[in-house]
Amino acid sequence: MSIIFSTMSRLFFALMLIVSIYMLFRGHNEPGGGFVGGLIAALGFALLALAENVATARRALVVHPVALMGAGLLLAFVSGLPGLLSDRSFLTHWWAEIGSLHLGTATTFDIGVYFVVIGGVLCLIFRLYEEVDQ
């Protein structure tokens, strides 16, 4: 691999993770959200795996992609429980406003979707890259 590609991929990896977090939290009131943010983050890890190798990308991810998907599904499910308890409607979200920041269970749901998308896309990408390397 090219030293320029390898060096720039690390810079773009960090930049893509920052943009994905921004898109995640921007997404409720404007375009973005957990799905788009998760795709951008997964693309950052895919770029790192392409520039270096899958082992480097897995070390950067820290947790296994399947565990990330499971945590995301659990988080998305748990975000629907408060509505079920309050007015007997699953996924009716609760909201709190802290200054100009709107937080609620919908944000928790978006974070769950973010984790599921990252885990699912990276399961596929890592598997494909590993097969190409063999």
N, C-alpha and C. Protein backbone atom coordinates (compact mmCIF):
# COMPACT_ATOMS: atom_id res chain seq x y z
N MET A 1 0.83 -1.19 0.00
CA MET A 1 0.00 0.00 0.00
C MET A 1 0.87 1.25 0.00
N SER A 2 0.30 2.30 -0.49
CA SER A 2 0.98 3.58 -0.56
C SER A 2 1.08 4.21 0.83
N ILE A 3 2.20 4.80 1.12
CA ILE A 3 2.37 5.47 2.42
C ILE A 3 1.46 6.68 2.52
N ILE A 4 1.20 7.32 1.39
CA ILE A 4 0.30 8.48 1.40
C ILE A 4 -1.12 8.03 1.71
N PHE A 5 -1.58 6.95 1.07
CA PHE A 5 -2.92 6.43 1.32
C PHE A 5 -3.06 5.98 2.77
N SER A 6 -2.05 5.31 3.29
CA SER A 6 -2.07 4.83 4.67
C SER A 6 -2.14 5.99 5.66
N THR A 7 -1.35 7.02 5.42
CA THR A 7 -1.32 8.16 6.33
C THR A 7 -2.63 8.95 6.25
N MET A 8 -3.10 9.21 5.06
CA MET A 8 -4.33 9.98 4.90
C MET A 8 -5.55 9.21 5.40
N SER A 9 -5.52 7.89 5.32
CA SER A 9 -6.66 7.11 5.79
C SER A 9 -6.85 7.28 7.29
N ARG A 10 -5.78 7.41 8.04
CA ARG A 10 -5.90 7.63 9.49
C ARG A 10 -6.54 8.98 9.78
N LEU A 11 -6.14 9.99 9.01
CA LEU A 11 -6.73 11.32 9.17
C LEU A 11 -8.22 11.30 8.81
N PHE A 12 -8.55 10.69 7.67
CA PHE A 12 -9.95 10.62 7.26
C PHE A 12 -10.78 9.74 8.19
N PHE A 13 -10.18 8.71 8.76
CA PHE A 13 -10.87 7.86 9.73
C PHE A 13 -11.36 8.69 10.90
N ALA A 14 -10.47 9.49 11.48
CA ALA A 14 -10.85 10.33 12.62
C ALA A 14 -11.89 11.37 12.21
N LEU A 15 -11.71 11.97 11.05
CA LEU A 15 -12.65 12.96 10.56
C LEU A 15 -14.03 12.34 10.32
N MET A 16 -14.06 11.14 9.76
CA MET A 16 -15.34 10.48 9.49
C MET A 16 -16.07 10.10 10.77
N LEU A 17 -15.34 9.71 11.81
CA LEU A 17 -15.99 9.40 13.08
C LEU A 17 -16.59 10.66 13.71
N ILE A 18 -15.89 11.78 13.61
CA ILE A 18 -16.41 13.04 14.14
C ILE A 18 -17.67 13.44 13.37
N VAL A 19 -17.65 13.35 12.06
CA VAL A 19 -18.81 13.70 11.24
C VAL A 19 -19.97 12.75 11.54
N SER A 20 -19.67 11.47 11.77
CA SER A 20 -20.75 10.51 12.06
C SER A 20 -21.44 10.84 13.39
N ILE A 21 -20.67 11.24 14.39
CA ILE A 21 -21.26 11.63 15.68
C ILE A 21 -22.12 12.89 15.50
N TYR A 22 -21.60 13.84 14.71
CA TYR A 22 -22.36 15.06 14.43
C TYR A 22 -23.68 14.72 13.74
N MET A 23 -23.63 13.85 12.74
CA MET A 23 -24.84 13.46 12.02
C MET A 23 -25.81 12.71 12.93
N LEU A 24 -25.28 11.91 13.83
CA LEU A 24 -26.12 11.16 14.76
C LEU A 24 -26.96 12.10 15.61
N PHE A 25 -26.33 13.10 16.22
CA PHE A 25 -27.05 13.98 17.14
C PHE A 25 -27.81 15.09 16.42
N ARG A 26 -27.49 15.36 15.18
CA ARG A 26 -28.19 16.37 14.40
C ARG A 26 -29.47 15.80 13.82
N GLY A 27 -29.54 14.51 13.71
CA GLY A 27 -30.54 13.85 12.90
C GLY A 27 -31.98 13.95 13.33
N HIS A 28 -32.29 14.29 14.55
CA HIS A 28 -33.70 14.28 14.92
C HIS A 28 -34.45 15.48 14.34
N ASN A 29 -33.82 16.63 14.32
CA ASN A 29 -34.49 17.82 13.83
C ASN A 29 -34.12 18.18 12.39
N GLU A 30 -33.05 17.61 11.89
CA GLU A 30 -32.58 17.90 10.54
C GLU A 30 -32.13 16.58 9.90
N PRO A 31 -31.78 16.60 8.61
CA PRO A 31 -31.34 15.35 7.97
C PRO A 31 -30.15 14.73 8.68
N GLY A 32 -30.20 13.45 8.84
CA GLY A 32 -29.14 12.72 9.54
C GLY A 32 -29.77 11.65 10.41
N GLY A 33 -29.14 11.34 11.49
CA GLY A 33 -29.68 10.37 12.43
C GLY A 33 -28.79 9.16 12.58
N GLY A 34 -29.31 8.15 13.25
CA GLY A 34 -28.53 6.97 13.55
C GLY A 34 -28.11 6.18 12.33
N PHE A 35 -28.98 6.09 11.34
CA PHE A 35 -28.66 5.30 10.15
C PHE A 35 -27.55 5.95 9.34
N VAL A 36 -27.71 7.22 9.04
CA VAL A 36 -26.71 7.93 8.24
C VAL A 36 -25.39 8.04 9.00
N GLY A 37 -25.46 8.35 10.28
CA GLY A 37 -24.25 8.42 11.10
C GLY A 37 -23.53 7.09 11.17
N GLY A 38 -24.30 6.01 11.30
CA GLY A 38 -23.71 4.68 11.34
C GLY A 38 -23.03 4.30 10.03
N LEU A 39 -23.62 4.70 8.91
CA LEU A 39 -23.01 4.43 7.61
C LEU A 39 -21.69 5.18 7.45
N ILE A 40 -21.65 6.42 7.90
CA ILE A 40 -20.42 7.20 7.80
C ILE A 40 -19.33 6.60 8.69
N ALA A 41 -19.69 6.20 9.91
CA ALA A 41 -18.71 5.58 10.81
C ALA A 41 -18.21 4.26 10.24
N ALA A 42 -19.11 3.44 9.70
CA ALA A 42 -18.70 2.16 9.12
C ALA A 42 -17.79 2.38 7.92
N LEU A 43 -18.08 3.42 7.14
CA LEU A 43 -17.22 3.75 6.01
C LEU A 43 -15.82 4.15 6.48
N GLY A 44 -15.72 4.83 7.62
CA GLY A 44 -14.42 5.17 8.18
C GLY A 44 -13.62 3.92 8.55
N PHE A 45 -14.28 2.97 9.20
CA PHE A 45 -13.60 1.71 9.55
C PHE A 45 -13.25 0.91 8.30
N ALA A 46 -14.11 0.95 7.29
CA ALA A 46 -13.82 0.25 6.04
C ALA A 46 -12.60 0.86 5.35
N LEU A 47 -12.50 2.17 5.38
CA LEU A 47 -11.34 2.85 4.81
C LEU A 47 -10.06 2.44 5.53
N LEU A 48 -10.13 2.37 6.85
CA LEU A 48 -8.97 1.94 7.64
C LEU A 48 -8.60 0.49 7.31
N ALA A 49 -9.58 -0.37 7.15
CA ALA A 49 -9.30 -1.77 6.81
C ALA A 49 -8.71 -1.89 5.42
N LEU A 50 -9.16 -1.05 4.50
CA LEU A 50 -8.63 -1.09 3.14
C LEU A 50 -7.20 -0.56 3.09
N ALA A 51 -6.92 0.50 3.83
CA ALA A 51 -5.59 1.10 3.81
C ALA A 51 -4.57 0.27 4.58
N GLU A 52 -4.97 -0.29 5.70
CA GLU A 52 -4.06 -1.08 6.53
C GLU A 52 -4.37 -2.57 6.34
N ASN A 53 -5.23 -3.07 7.21
CA ASN A 53 -5.74 -4.44 7.11
C ASN A 53 -6.93 -4.57 8.06
N VAL A 54 -7.61 -5.69 7.99
CA VAL A 54 -8.80 -5.89 8.81
C VAL A 54 -8.45 -5.93 10.30
N ALA A 55 -7.31 -6.50 10.63
CA ALA A 55 -6.91 -6.58 12.05
C ALA A 55 -6.76 -5.19 12.66
N THR A 56 -6.21 -4.26 11.91
CA THR A 56 -6.06 -2.89 12.40
C THR A 56 -7.42 -2.24 12.63
N ALA A 57 -8.34 -2.45 11.70
CA ALA A 57 -9.69 -1.89 11.84
C ALA A 57 -10.43 -2.53 13.02
N ARG A 58 -10.25 -3.83 13.21
CA ARG A 58 -10.88 -4.51 14.35
C ARG A 58 -10.34 -3.98 15.67
N ARG A 59 -9.04 -3.72 15.74
CA ARG A 59 -8.45 -3.14 16.96
C ARG A 59 -8.99 -1.75 17.22
N ALA A 60 -9.20 -0.97 16.16
CA ALA A 60 -9.75 0.37 16.32
C ALA A 60 -11.20 0.33 16.78
N LEU A 61 -11.94 -0.68 16.35
CA LEU A 61 -13.35 -0.82 16.73
C LEU A 61 -13.50 -1.22 18.20
N VAL A 62 -12.56 -1.93 18.74
CA VAL A 62 -12.47 -2.39 20.13
C VAL A 62 -13.42 -3.56 20.41
N VAL A 63 -14.70 -3.46 20.07
CA VAL A 63 -15.65 -4.55 20.32
C VAL A 63 -15.95 -5.27 19.01
N HIS A 64 -16.42 -6.48 19.12
CA HIS A 64 -16.77 -7.25 17.93
C HIS A 64 -18.03 -6.64 17.30
N PRO A 65 -18.11 -6.59 15.98
CA PRO A 65 -19.29 -6.01 15.33
C PRO A 65 -20.62 -6.66 15.73
N VAL A 66 -20.62 -7.96 15.97
CA VAL A 66 -21.87 -8.63 16.38
C VAL A 66 -22.30 -8.17 17.76
N ALA A 67 -21.34 -7.98 18.66
CA ALA A 67 -21.65 -7.46 19.99
C ALA A 67 -22.20 -6.03 19.89
N LEU A 68 -21.66 -5.26 18.97
CA LEU A 68 -22.14 -3.89 18.76
C LEU A 68 -23.58 -3.90 18.25
N MET A 69 -23.89 -4.83 17.33
CA MET A 69 -25.27 -4.95 16.84
C MET A 69 -26.22 -5.34 17.97
N GLY A 70 -25.81 -6.29 18.80
CA GLY A 70 -26.65 -6.72 19.91
C GLY A 70 -26.91 -5.61 20.91
N ALA A 71 -25.86 -4.84 21.21
CA ALA A 71 -26.02 -3.71 22.13
C ALA A 71 -26.95 -2.66 21.53
N GLY A 72 -26.84 -2.44 20.24
CA GLY A 72 -27.70 -1.47 19.57
C GLY A 72 -29.16 -1.90 19.57
N LEU A 73 -29.40 -3.19 19.31
CA LEU A 73 -30.78 -3.70 19.34
C LEU A 73 -31.38 -3.58 20.74
N LEU A 74 -30.58 -3.90 21.74
CA LEU A 74 -31.05 -3.80 23.12
C LEU A 74 -31.36 -2.35 23.47
N LEU A 75 -30.49 -1.44 23.08
CA LEU A 75 -30.70 -0.02 23.36
C LEU A 75 -31.95 0.51 22.67
N ALA A 76 -32.14 0.11 21.41
CA ALA A 76 -33.33 0.55 20.67
C ALA A 76 -34.60 -0.01 21.32
N PHE A 77 -34.55 -1.25 21.76
CA PHE A 77 -35.71 -1.86 22.42
C PHE A 77 -36.01 -1.16 23.74
N VAL A 78 -34.98 -0.93 24.54
CA VAL A 78 -35.16 -0.30 25.85
C VAL A 78 -35.71 1.12 25.70
N SER A 79 -35.36 1.80 24.60
CA SER A 79 -35.85 3.17 24.41
C SER A 79 -37.37 3.21 24.21
N GLY A 80 -37.97 2.11 23.84
CA GLY A 80 -39.42 2.08 23.64
C GLY A 80 -40.20 1.76 24.89
N LEU A 81 -39.53 1.27 25.93
CA LEU A 81 -40.24 0.86 27.14
C LEU A 81 -40.89 1.99 27.92
N PRO A 82 -40.27 3.18 28.05
CA PRO A 82 -40.96 4.24 28.80
C PRO A 82 -42.33 4.59 28.26
N GLY A 83 -42.50 4.61 26.95
CA GLY A 83 -43.81 4.87 26.37
C GLY A 83 -44.80 3.76 26.68
N LEU A 84 -44.32 2.54 26.71
CA LEU A 84 -45.17 1.40 27.04
C LEU A 84 -45.67 1.50 28.48
N LEU A 85 -44.80 1.99 29.36
CA LEU A 85 -45.16 2.11 30.77
C LEU A 85 -46.07 3.31 31.03
N SER A 86 -45.88 4.40 30.26
CA SER A 86 -46.64 5.61 30.56
C SER A 86 -48.04 5.62 29.92
N ASP A 87 -48.11 5.43 28.60
CA ASP A 87 -49.43 5.48 27.97
C ASP A 87 -49.74 4.22 27.16
N ARG A 88 -49.05 3.15 27.47
CA ARG A 88 -49.27 1.83 26.88
C ARG A 88 -49.08 1.80 25.37
N SER A 89 -48.14 2.60 24.89
CA SER A 89 -47.83 2.62 23.47
C SER A 89 -46.31 2.51 23.31
N PHE A 90 -45.87 1.37 22.79
CA PHE A 90 -44.44 1.12 22.62
C PHE A 90 -43.84 2.14 21.65
N LEU A 91 -42.68 2.64 21.99
CA LEU A 91 -41.92 3.63 21.22
C LEU A 91 -42.55 5.02 21.20
N THR A 92 -43.47 5.32 22.12
CA THR A 92 -43.88 6.70 22.31
C THR A 92 -42.76 7.34 23.13
N HIS A 93 -42.13 8.35 22.56
CA HIS A 93 -40.91 8.86 23.17
C HIS A 93 -41.17 9.97 24.18
N TRP A 94 -40.31 10.01 25.17
CA TRP A 94 -40.32 11.07 26.18
C TRP A 94 -39.27 12.09 25.77
N TRP A 95 -39.52 13.36 26.09
CA TRP A 95 -38.62 14.44 25.71
C TRP A 95 -38.26 15.31 26.89
N ALA A 96 -37.04 15.83 26.86
CA ALA A 96 -36.59 16.82 27.84
C ALA A 96 -35.81 17.88 27.09
N GLU A 97 -36.05 19.14 27.45
CA GLU A 97 -35.31 20.22 26.81
C GLU A 97 -34.36 20.83 27.83
N ILE A 98 -33.08 20.84 27.45
CA ILE A 98 -32.04 21.44 28.28
C ILE A 98 -31.45 22.58 27.45
N GLY A 99 -31.95 23.78 27.67
CA GLY A 99 -31.55 24.90 26.85
C GLY A 99 -32.06 24.70 25.43
N SER A 100 -31.16 24.74 24.47
CA SER A 100 -31.55 24.51 23.08
C SER A 100 -31.39 23.05 22.67
N LEU A 101 -30.94 22.21 23.59
CA LEU A 101 -30.71 20.79 23.31
C LEU A 101 -31.96 19.99 23.64
N HIS A 102 -32.47 19.25 22.68
CA HIS A 102 -33.64 18.39 22.87
C HIS A 102 -33.16 16.95 23.03
N LEU A 103 -33.35 16.39 24.20
CA LEU A 103 -32.96 15.01 24.46
C LEU A 103 -34.19 14.20 24.81
N GLY A 104 -34.11 12.94 24.50
CA GLY A 104 -35.23 12.08 24.84
C GLY A 104 -34.93 10.65 24.49
N THR A 105 -35.94 9.83 24.61
CA THR A 105 -35.75 8.42 24.32
C THR A 105 -35.55 8.19 22.83
N ALA A 106 -35.96 9.14 21.99
CA ALA A 106 -35.70 9.02 20.54
C ALA A 106 -34.19 9.09 20.27
N THR A 107 -33.47 9.87 21.07
CA THR A 107 -32.02 9.93 20.93
C THR A 107 -31.40 8.58 21.28
N THR A 108 -31.93 7.93 22.31
CA THR A 108 -31.45 6.60 22.68
C THR A 108 -31.74 5.60 21.56
N PHE A 109 -32.90 5.72 20.94
CA PHE A 109 -33.24 4.86 19.81
C PHE A 109 -32.27 5.09 18.65
N ASP A 110 -31.96 6.35 18.35
CA ASP A 110 -31.03 6.67 17.28
C ASP A 110 -29.64 6.12 17.56
N ILE A 111 -29.20 6.17 18.81
CA ILE A 111 -27.89 5.61 19.16
C ILE A 111 -27.90 4.09 18.96
N GLY A 112 -29.01 3.45 19.30
CA GLY A 112 -29.15 2.02 19.06
C GLY A 112 -29.07 1.69 17.58
N VAL A 113 -29.76 2.47 16.75
CA VAL A 113 -29.70 2.27 15.30
C VAL A 113 -28.28 2.49 14.80
N TYR A 114 -27.61 3.50 15.32
CA TYR A 114 -26.22 3.81 14.97
C TYR A 114 -25.33 2.58 15.20
N PHE A 115 -25.46 1.96 16.38
CA PHE A 115 -24.65 0.78 16.70
C PHE A 115 -24.99 -0.40 15.80
N VAL A 116 -26.28 -0.61 15.54
CA VAL A 116 -26.70 -1.73 14.69
C VAL A 116 -26.15 -1.57 13.27
N VAL A 117 -26.23 -0.37 12.74
CA VAL A 117 -25.73 -0.13 11.38
C VAL A 117 -24.22 -0.31 11.31
N ILE A 118 -23.50 0.23 12.26
CA ILE A 118 -22.03 0.05 12.26
C ILE A 118 -21.69 -1.43 12.34
N GLY A 119 -22.31 -2.15 13.28
CA GLY A 119 -22.02 -3.57 13.44
C GLY A 119 -22.38 -4.39 12.22
N GLY A 120 -23.54 -4.15 11.65
CA GLY A 120 -23.98 -4.92 10.49
C GLY A 120 -23.13 -4.68 9.26
N VAL A 121 -22.86 -3.43 8.97
CA VAL A 121 -22.04 -3.11 7.79
C VAL A 121 -20.61 -3.63 7.97
N LEU A 122 -20.06 -3.50 9.17
CA LEU A 122 -18.69 -3.96 9.38
C LEU A 122 -18.58 -5.48 9.38
N CYS A 123 -19.62 -6.19 9.82
CA CYS A 123 -19.60 -7.66 9.68
C CYS A 123 -19.42 -8.04 8.22
N LEU A 124 -20.18 -7.40 7.37
CA LEU A 124 -20.10 -7.67 5.94
C LEU A 124 -18.75 -7.26 5.36
N ILE A 125 -18.33 -6.05 5.64
CA ILE A 125 -17.09 -5.52 5.06
C ILE A 125 -15.87 -6.30 5.54
N PHE A 126 -15.79 -6.56 6.84
CA PHE A 126 -14.63 -7.31 7.35
C PHE A 126 -14.57 -8.70 6.73
N ARG A 127 -15.72 -9.33 6.59
CA ARG A 127 -15.76 -10.67 6.00
C ARG A 127 -15.30 -10.64 4.53
N LEU A 128 -15.77 -9.64 3.80
CA LEU A 128 -15.36 -9.51 2.39
C LEU A 128 -13.86 -9.22 2.27
N TYR A 129 -13.35 -8.33 3.09
CA TYR A 129 -11.92 -8.00 3.03
C TYR A 129 -11.05 -9.18 3.43
N GLU A 130 -11.52 -9.98 4.43
CA GLU A 130 -10.76 -11.14 4.84
C GLU A 130 -10.70 -12.19 3.73
N GLU A 131 -11.79 -12.36 2.97
CA GLU A 131 -11.80 -13.31 1.88
C GLU A 131 -10.91 -12.86 0.74
N VAL A 132 -10.83 -11.56 0.50
CA VAL A 132 -9.97 -11.04 -0.55
C VAL A 132 -8.49 -11.23 -0.20
N ASP A 133 -8.17 -11.09 1.09
CA ASP A 133 -6.78 -11.23 1.55
C ASP A 133 -6.27 -12.66 1.47
N GLN A 134 -7.17 -13.63 1.47
CA GLN A 134 -6.73 -15.03 1.47
C GLN A 134 -6.24 -15.50 0.13
